[in-house]
C-alpha atoms as a PDB file:
ATOM      1  CA  MET A   1     -41.355 -72.281 -85.452  1.00  0.00           C
ATOM      2  CA  SER A   2     -42.781 -69.598 -87.684  1.00  0.00           C
ATOM      3  CA  MET A   3     -42.471 -65.861 -87.234  1.00  0.00           C
ATOM      4  CA  THR A   4     -46.235 -65.731 -86.748  1.00  0.00           C
ATOM      5  CA  GLU A   5     -45.961 -68.034 -83.703  1.00  0.00           C
ATOM      6  CA  ILE A   6     -43.197 -65.878 -82.176  1.00  0.00           C
ATOM      7  CA  GLU A   7     -45.261 -62.764 -82.897  1.00  0.00           C
ATOM      8  CA  SER A   8     -48.268 -64.366 -81.185  1.00  0.00           C
ATOM      9  CA  ILE A   9     -46.201 -65.298 -78.118  1.00  0.00           C
ATOM     10  CA  THR A  10     -44.715 -61.786 -78.034  1.00  0.00           C
ATOM     11  CA  LYS A  11     -48.173 -60.191 -78.158  1.00  0.00           C
ATOM     12  CA  ILE A  12     -49.455 -62.401 -75.329  1.00  0.00           C
ATOM     13  CA  ALA A  13     -46.301 -61.711 -73.300  1.00  0.00           C
ATOM     14  CA  ASN A  14     -46.542 -57.946 -73.787  1.00  0.00           C
ATOM     15  CA  ASP A  15     -50.248 -57.985 -72.858  1.00  0.00           C
ATOM     16  CA  LEU A  16     -49.552 -59.951 -69.681  1.00  0.00           C
ATOM     17  CA  VAL A  17     -46.712 -57.624 -68.623  1.00  0.00           C
ATOM     18  CA  ALA A  18     -48.810 -54.512 -69.303  1.00  0.00           C
ATOM     19  CA  HIS A  19     -51.668 -56.093 -67.327  1.00  0.00           C
ATOM     20  CA  CYS A  20     -49.385 -56.863 -64.372  1.00  0.00           C
ATOM     21  CA  LYS A  21     -48.155 -53.260 -64.268  1.00  0.00           C
ATOM     22  CA  LEU A  22     -51.676 -51.869 -63.801  1.00  0.00           C
ATOM     23  CA  PRO A  23     -52.650 -51.153 -60.191  1.00  0.00           C
ATOM     24  CA  SER A  24     -55.486 -53.246 -58.809  1.00  0.00           C
ATOM     25  CA  GLU A  25     -57.433 -53.311 -55.557  1.00  0.00           C
ATOM     26  CA  ASN A  26     -58.719 -56.829 -56.229  1.00  0.00           C
ATOM     27  CA  MET A  27     -56.126 -59.066 -57.865  1.00  0.00           C
ATOM     28  CA  LEU A  28     -58.630 -61.870 -58.485  1.00  0.00           C
ATOM     29  CA  ASP A  29     -61.046 -59.752 -60.532  1.00  0.00           C
ATOM     30  CA  HIS A  30     -58.134 -58.017 -62.247  1.00  0.00           C
ATOM     31  CA  ASP A  31     -56.366 -61.229 -63.264  1.00  0.00           C
ATOM     32  CA  ALA A  32     -59.606 -62.840 -64.437  1.00  0.00           C
ATOM     33  CA  LYS A  33     -59.483 -60.395 -67.373  1.00  0.00           C
ATOM     34  CA  ILE A  34     -56.093 -61.686 -68.577  1.00  0.00           C
ATOM     35  CA  TRP A  35     -57.144 -65.299 -67.947  1.00  0.00           C
ATOM     36  CA  ASP A  36     -60.192 -64.779 -70.171  1.00  0.00           C
ATOM     37  CA  LYS A  37     -58.080 -63.242 -72.908  1.00  0.00           C
ATOM     38  CA  HIS A  38     -54.924 -65.375 -73.023  1.00  0.00           C
ATOM     39  CA  PHE A  39     -55.167 -68.530 -70.889  1.00  0.00           C
ATOM     40  CA  ALA A  40     -56.357 -71.948 -72.045  1.00  0.00           C
ATOM     41  CA  GLU A  41     -59.462 -73.205 -70.268  1.00  0.00           C
ATOM     42  CA  ASN A  42     -57.636 -75.756 -68.109  1.00  0.00           C
ATOM     43  CA  TRP A  43     -54.199 -74.211 -67.797  1.00  0.00           C
ATOM     44  CA  THR A  44     -51.792 -75.541 -65.199  1.00  0.00           C
ATOM     45  CA  SER A  45     -50.329 -73.299 -62.503  1.00  0.00           C
ATOM     46  CA  ILE A  46     -47.314 -74.629 -60.590  1.00  0.00           C
ATOM     47  CA  GLU A  47     -46.047 -72.848 -57.489  1.00  0.00           C
ATOM     48  CA  GLY A  48     -42.410 -72.790 -56.412  1.00  0.00           C
ATOM     49  CA  ASP A  49     -43.169 -75.267 -53.650  1.00  0.00           C
ATOM     50  CA  GLY A  50     -44.386 -77.797 -56.249  1.00  0.00           C
ATOM     51  CA  LYS A  51     -48.133 -77.433 -55.664  1.00  0.00           C
ATOM     52  CA  VAL A  52     -50.053 -77.863 -58.923  1.00  0.00           C
ATOM     53  CA  TYR A  53     -53.378 -76.218 -59.732  1.00  0.00           C
ATOM     54  CA  THR A  54     -55.347 -77.002 -62.899  1.00  0.00           C
ATOM     55  CA  GLY A  55     -57.911 -74.578 -64.290  1.00  0.00           C
ATOM     56  CA  ARG A  56     -59.536 -71.443 -62.983  1.00  0.00           C
ATOM     57  CA  ASP A  57     -61.601 -73.254 -60.325  1.00  0.00           C
ATOM     58  CA  ALA A  58     -58.367 -74.458 -58.692  1.00  0.00           C
ATOM     59  CA  VAL A  59     -56.368 -71.254 -59.238  1.00  0.00           C
ATOM     60  CA  MET A  60     -58.975 -68.847 -57.846  1.00  0.00           C
ATOM     61  CA  PRO A  61     -58.845 -70.154 -54.245  1.00  0.00           C
ATOM     62  CA  LYS A  62     -55.023 -69.969 -54.379  1.00  0.00           C
ATOM     63  CA  TYR A  63     -55.216 -66.301 -55.393  1.00  0.00           C
ATOM     64  CA  LYS A  64     -57.861 -65.544 -52.757  1.00  0.00           C
ATOM     65  CA  GLU A  65     -55.767 -67.150 -50.024  1.00  0.00           C
ATOM     66  CA  TRP A  66     -52.750 -65.069 -51.097  1.00  0.00           C
ATOM     67  CA  MET A  67     -54.811 -61.841 -51.182  1.00  0.00           C
ATOM     68  CA  ASP A  68     -56.302 -62.566 -47.754  1.00  0.00           C
ATOM     69  CA  GLY A  69     -52.925 -63.372 -46.181  1.00  0.00           C
ATOM     70  CA  VAL A  70     -50.444 -60.953 -47.760  1.00  0.00           C
ATOM     71  CA  THR A  71     -50.010 -57.207 -47.977  1.00  0.00           C
ATOM     72  CA  CYS A  72     -48.108 -56.465 -51.167  1.00  0.00           C
ATOM     73  CA  HIS A  73     -46.425 -53.066 -50.821  1.00  0.00           C
ATOM     74  CA  SER A  74     -45.036 -53.130 -54.356  1.00  0.00           C
ATOM     75  CA  CYS A  75     -44.599 -55.405 -57.336  1.00  0.00           C
ATOM     76  CA  GLU A  76     -42.208 -54.456 -60.114  1.00  0.00           C
ATOM     77  CA  VAL A  77     -42.394 -56.376 -63.383  1.00  0.00           C
ATOM     78  CA  THR A  78     -39.435 -57.001 -65.717  1.00  0.00           C
ATOM     79  CA  GLY A  79     -39.744 -58.583 -69.121  1.00  0.00           C
ATOM     80  CA  PRO A  80     -41.044 -60.309 -71.042  1.00  0.00           C
ATOM     81  CA  PHE A  81     -38.254 -62.623 -72.150  1.00  0.00           C
ATOM     82  CA  VAL A  82     -39.667 -64.422 -75.205  1.00  0.00           C
ATOM     83  CA  GLY A  83     -38.646 -67.796 -76.629  1.00  0.00           C
ATOM     84  CA  PRO A  84     -40.074 -70.308 -79.108  1.00  0.00           C
ATOM     85  CA  SER A  85     -42.364 -72.060 -76.598  1.00  0.00           C
ATOM     86  CA  GLY A  86     -43.345 -69.191 -74.342  1.00  0.00           C
ATOM     87  CA  PHE A  87     -41.978 -66.396 -72.213  1.00  0.00           C
ATOM     88  CA  SER A  88     -40.756 -65.460 -68.753  1.00  0.00           C
ATOM     89  CA  VAL A  89     -41.358 -62.485 -66.496  1.00  0.00           C
ATOM     90  CA  ILE A  90     -39.523 -61.419 -63.338  1.00  0.00           C
ATOM     91  CA  PHE A  91     -41.517 -60.054 -60.407  1.00  0.00           C
ATOM     92  CA  ASP A  92     -39.797 -58.064 -57.634  1.00  0.00           C
ATOM     93  CA  LEU A  93     -42.126 -58.226 -54.631  1.00  0.00           C
ATOM     94  CA  ASP A  94     -42.153 -56.256 -51.375  1.00  0.00           C
ATOM     95  CA  MET A  95     -44.671 -57.951 -49.096  1.00  0.00           C
ATOM     96  CA  GLU A  96     -45.540 -59.101 -45.600  1.00  0.00           C
ATOM     97  CA  SER A  97     -48.035 -61.405 -43.957  1.00  0.00           C
ATOM     98  CA  LYS A  98     -51.182 -59.766 -42.649  1.00  0.00           C
ATOM     99  CA  ASP A  99     -51.164 -61.918 -39.515  1.00  0.00           C
ATOM    100  CA  GLY A 100     -47.528 -61.210 -38.619  1.00  0.00           C
ATOM    101  CA  THR A 101     -46.280 -64.792 -39.106  1.00  0.00           C
ATOM    102  CA  TRP A 102     -43.436 -63.475 -41.281  1.00  0.00           C
ATOM    103  CA  PRO A 103     -41.959 -59.999 -41.576  1.00  0.00           C
ATOM    104  CA  ARG A 104     -41.883 -57.629 -44.501  1.00  0.00           C
ATOM    105  CA  THR A 105     -39.834 -59.374 -47.162  1.00  0.00           C
ATOM    106  CA  LYS A 106     -38.423 -58.529 -50.559  1.00  0.00           C
ATOM    107  CA  MET A 107     -38.125 -61.372 -53.018  1.00  0.00           C
ATOM    108  CA  GLN A 108     -37.858 -62.087 -56.708  1.00  0.00           C
ATOM    109  CA  GLU A 109     -40.023 -64.556 -58.537  1.00  0.00           C
ATOM    110  CA  VAL A 110     -39.621 -65.767 -62.102  1.00  0.00           C
ATOM    111  CA  ALA A 111     -42.807 -66.766 -63.868  1.00  0.00           C
ATOM    112  CA  ASP A 112     -42.427 -69.042 -66.888  1.00  0.00           C
ATOM    113  CA  TYR A 113     -45.385 -69.214 -69.268  1.00  0.00           C
ATOM    114  CA  THR A 114     -45.797 -71.964 -71.876  1.00  0.00           C
ATOM    115  CA  VAL A 115     -47.865 -71.018 -74.933  1.00  0.00           C
ATOM    116  CA  GLU A 116     -49.532 -73.491 -77.290  1.00  0.00           C
ATOM    117  CA  ASN A 117     -51.973 -72.667 -80.094  1.00  0.00           C
ATOM    118  CA  GLY A 118     -52.119 -69.017 -79.055  1.00  0.00           C
ATOM    119  CA  LYS A 119     -52.997 -69.644 -75.388  1.00  0.00           C
ATOM    120  CA  ILE A 120     -51.039 -69.937 -72.135  1.00  0.00           C
ATOM    121  CA  VAL A 121     -51.299 -73.597 -71.097  1.00  0.00           C
ATOM    122  CA  LYS A 122     -48.898 -73.514 -68.139  1.00  0.00           C
ATOM    123  CA  GLU A 123     -47.490 -70.986 -65.710  1.00  0.00           C
ATOM    124  CA  GLU A 124     -44.697 -71.986 -63.372  1.00  0.00           C
ATOM    125  CA  PHE A 125     -43.342 -69.794 -60.591  1.00  0.00           C
ATOM    126  CA  ARG A 126     -39.741 -70.054 -59.456  1.00  0.00           C
ATOM    127  CA  TYR A 127     -38.233 -68.450 -56.379  1.00  0.00           C
ATOM    128  CA  GLN A 128     -34.673 -67.646 -55.409  1.00  0.00           C
ATOM    129  CA  ALA A 129     -33.049 -70.175 -53.104  1.00  0.00           C
ATOM    130  CA  ASN A 130     -33.884 -69.286 -49.473  1.00  0.00           C
ATOM    131  CA  ALA A 131     -36.505 -66.744 -50.606  1.00  0.00           C
ATOM    132  CA  CYS A 132     -39.197 -68.693 -48.797  1.00  0.00           C
ATOM    133  CA  ASP A 133     -37.404 -68.783 -45.451  1.00  0.00           C
ATOM    134  CA  GLY A 134     -39.711 -67.343 -42.843  1.00  0.00           C
ATOM    135  CA  GLY A 135     -42.857 -68.523 -44.608  1.00  0.00           C
ATOM    136  CA  ALA A 136     -43.116 -65.797 -47.267  1.00  0.00           C
ATOM    137  CA  CYS A 137     -43.915 -68.339 -49.975  1.00  0.00           C
ATOM    138  CA  GLU A 138     -46.477 -70.421 -48.137  1.00  0.00           C
END
Protein backbone atom coordinates (compact mmCIF):
# COMPACT_ATOMS: atom_id res chain seq x y z
CA MET A 1 0.00 0.00 0.00
CA SER A 2 1.59 3.23 -1.11
CA MET A 3 1.07 6.66 0.40
CA THR A 4 -0.49 7.73 -2.89
CA GLU A 5 -3.21 5.06 -2.52
CA ILE A 6 -3.98 6.18 1.06
CA GLU A 7 -4.03 9.80 -0.11
CA SER A 8 -6.46 8.86 -2.90
CA ILE A 9 -8.75 7.02 -0.47
CA THR A 10 -8.57 9.96 1.96
CA LYS A 11 -9.53 12.43 -0.78
CA ILE A 12 -12.50 10.29 -1.87
CA ALA A 13 -13.56 9.84 1.77
CA ASN A 14 -13.35 13.56 2.53
CA ASP A 15 -15.30 14.40 -0.65
CA LEU A 16 -18.05 11.93 0.25
CA VAL A 17 -18.35 13.25 3.82
CA ALA A 18 -18.46 16.87 2.63
CA HIS A 19 -21.10 15.87 0.06
CA CYS A 20 -23.22 14.14 2.71
CA LYS A 21 -23.14 17.23 4.93
CA LEU A 22 -24.67 19.45 2.23
CA PRO A 23 -28.44 19.92 2.49
CA SER A 24 -30.48 18.51 -0.37
CA GLU A 25 -34.15 18.55 -1.32
CA ASN A 26 -33.71 15.62 -3.71
CA MET A 27 -31.29 13.00 -2.42
CA LEU A 28 -31.28 11.08 -5.71
CA ASP A 29 -30.13 14.02 -7.85
CA HIS A 30 -27.73 15.11 -5.11
CA ASP A 31 -26.09 11.71 -4.70
CA ALA A 32 -25.83 11.19 -8.46
CA LYS A 33 -23.10 13.87 -8.40
CA ILE A 34 -20.91 11.88 -5.98
CA TRP A 35 -21.64 8.64 -7.84
CA ASP A 36 -20.42 10.24 -11.08
CA LYS A 37 -17.27 11.50 -9.40
CA HIS A 38 -16.14 8.63 -7.16
CA PHE A 39 -18.10 5.40 -7.75
CA ALA A 40 -17.17 2.61 -10.16
CA GLU A 41 -19.71 2.02 -12.91
CA ASN A 42 -21.12 -1.19 -11.42
CA TRP A 43 -20.50 -0.68 -7.73
CA THR A 44 -22.22 -2.93 -5.22
CA SER A 45 -24.49 -1.54 -2.51
CA ILE A 46 -25.38 -3.87 0.37
CA GLU A 47 -28.06 -2.91 2.88
CA GLY A 48 -28.04 -3.97 6.52
CA ASP A 49 -30.78 -6.49 5.82
CA GLY A 50 -28.53 -8.24 3.27
CA LYS A 51 -30.19 -6.96 0.09
CA VAL A 52 -27.61 -6.43 -2.66
CA TYR A 53 -27.88 -3.86 -5.44
CA THR A 54 -25.38 -3.67 -8.31
CA GLY A 55 -24.91 -0.49 -10.32
CA ARG A 56 -26.78 2.77 -10.55
CA ASP A 57 -29.83 1.26 -12.28
CA ALA A 58 -30.40 -0.98 -9.23
CA VAL A 59 -29.45 1.62 -6.60
CA MET A 60 -31.65 4.43 -7.92
CA PRO A 61 -35.00 2.68 -7.23
CA LYS A 62 -33.77 1.85 -3.70
CA TYR A 63 -33.04 5.53 -3.07
CA LYS A 64 -36.36 6.63 -4.58
CA GLU A 65 -38.29 4.18 -2.41
CA TRP A 66 -36.49 5.49 0.69
CA MET A 67 -37.16 9.13 -0.27
CA ASP A 68 -40.83 8.40 -0.96
CA GLY A 69 -41.32 6.52 2.32
CA VAL A 70 -39.21 8.36 4.90
CA THR A 71 -39.06 11.85 6.35
CA CYS A 72 -35.50 12.46 7.47
CA HIS A 73 -35.51 15.21 10.11
CA SER A 74 -31.72 15.23 10.44
CA CYS A 75 -28.64 13.33 9.39
CA GLU A 76 -25.33 13.95 11.13
CA VAL A 77 -22.17 12.60 9.54
CA THR A 78 -19.05 11.51 11.46
CA GLY A 79 -15.81 10.52 9.81
CA PRO A 80 -14.27 9.47 7.60
CA PHE A 81 -12.29 6.66 9.19
CA VAL A 82 -9.69 5.72 6.56
CA GLY A 83 -7.87 2.41 6.13
CA PRO A 84 -5.79 0.71 3.43
CA SER A 85 -8.77 -0.67 1.47
CA GLY A 86 -11.35 2.04 2.00
CA PHE A 87 -13.12 4.07 4.64
CA SER A 88 -16.12 4.18 6.95
CA VAL A 89 -18.60 6.89 7.87
CA ILE A 90 -21.14 7.00 10.70
CA PHE A 91 -24.58 8.46 10.04
CA ASP A 92 -26.83 9.54 12.94
CA LEU A 93 -30.37 9.62 11.54
CA ASP A 94 -33.59 11.09 12.95
CA MET A 95 -36.41 9.85 10.74
CA GLU A 96 -39.95 8.53 10.52
CA SER A 97 -42.13 6.79 7.98
CA LYS A 98 -44.37 9.03 5.92
CA ASP A 99 -47.26 6.57 6.12
CA GLY A 100 -47.10 6.15 9.91
CA THR A 101 -46.10 2.46 9.87
CA TRP A 102 -43.26 3.23 12.30
CA PRO A 103 -42.72 6.19 14.60
CA ARG A 104 -40.01 8.81 14.60
CA THR A 105 -36.79 6.94 15.27
CA LYS A 106 -33.18 7.81 15.92
CA MET A 107 -30.60 5.33 14.71
CA GLN A 108 -26.96 5.06 13.78
CA GLU A 109 -25.72 3.52 10.58
CA VAL A 110 -22.14 2.72 9.65
CA ALA A 111 -21.32 2.85 5.97
CA ASP A 112 -18.21 0.97 4.85
CA TYR A 113 -16.79 1.91 1.46
CA THR A 114 -14.28 -0.26 -0.42
CA VAL A 115 -12.00 1.59 -2.84
CA GLU A 116 -10.11 -0.02 -5.72
CA ASN A 117 -8.17 1.79 -8.46
CA GLY A 118 -9.39 5.18 -7.24
CA LYS A 119 -13.12 4.34 -7.27
CA ILE A 120 -15.65 3.11 -4.70
CA VAL A 121 -16.54 -0.44 -5.75
CA LYS A 122 -18.67 -1.40 -2.74
CA GLU A 123 -20.71 0.32 -0.06
CA GLU A 124 -22.09 -1.68 2.82
CA PHE A 125 -24.46 -0.32 5.45
CA ARG A 126 -24.49 -1.68 8.98
CA TYR A 127 -27.08 -0.96 11.64
CA GLN A 128 -27.01 -1.27 15.41
CA ALA A 129 -28.63 -4.42 16.76
CA ASN A 130 -32.38 -3.82 17.21
CA ALA A 131 -32.18 -0.54 15.25
CA CYS A 132 -34.59 -1.91 12.68
CA ASP A 133 -37.27 -2.91 15.18
CA GLY A 134 -40.50 -1.26 14.17
CA GLY A 135 -39.66 -1.31 10.47
CA ALA A 136 -37.33 1.71 10.34
CA CYS A 137 -34.85 -0.15 8.14
CA GLU A 138 -37.25 -1.69 5.66
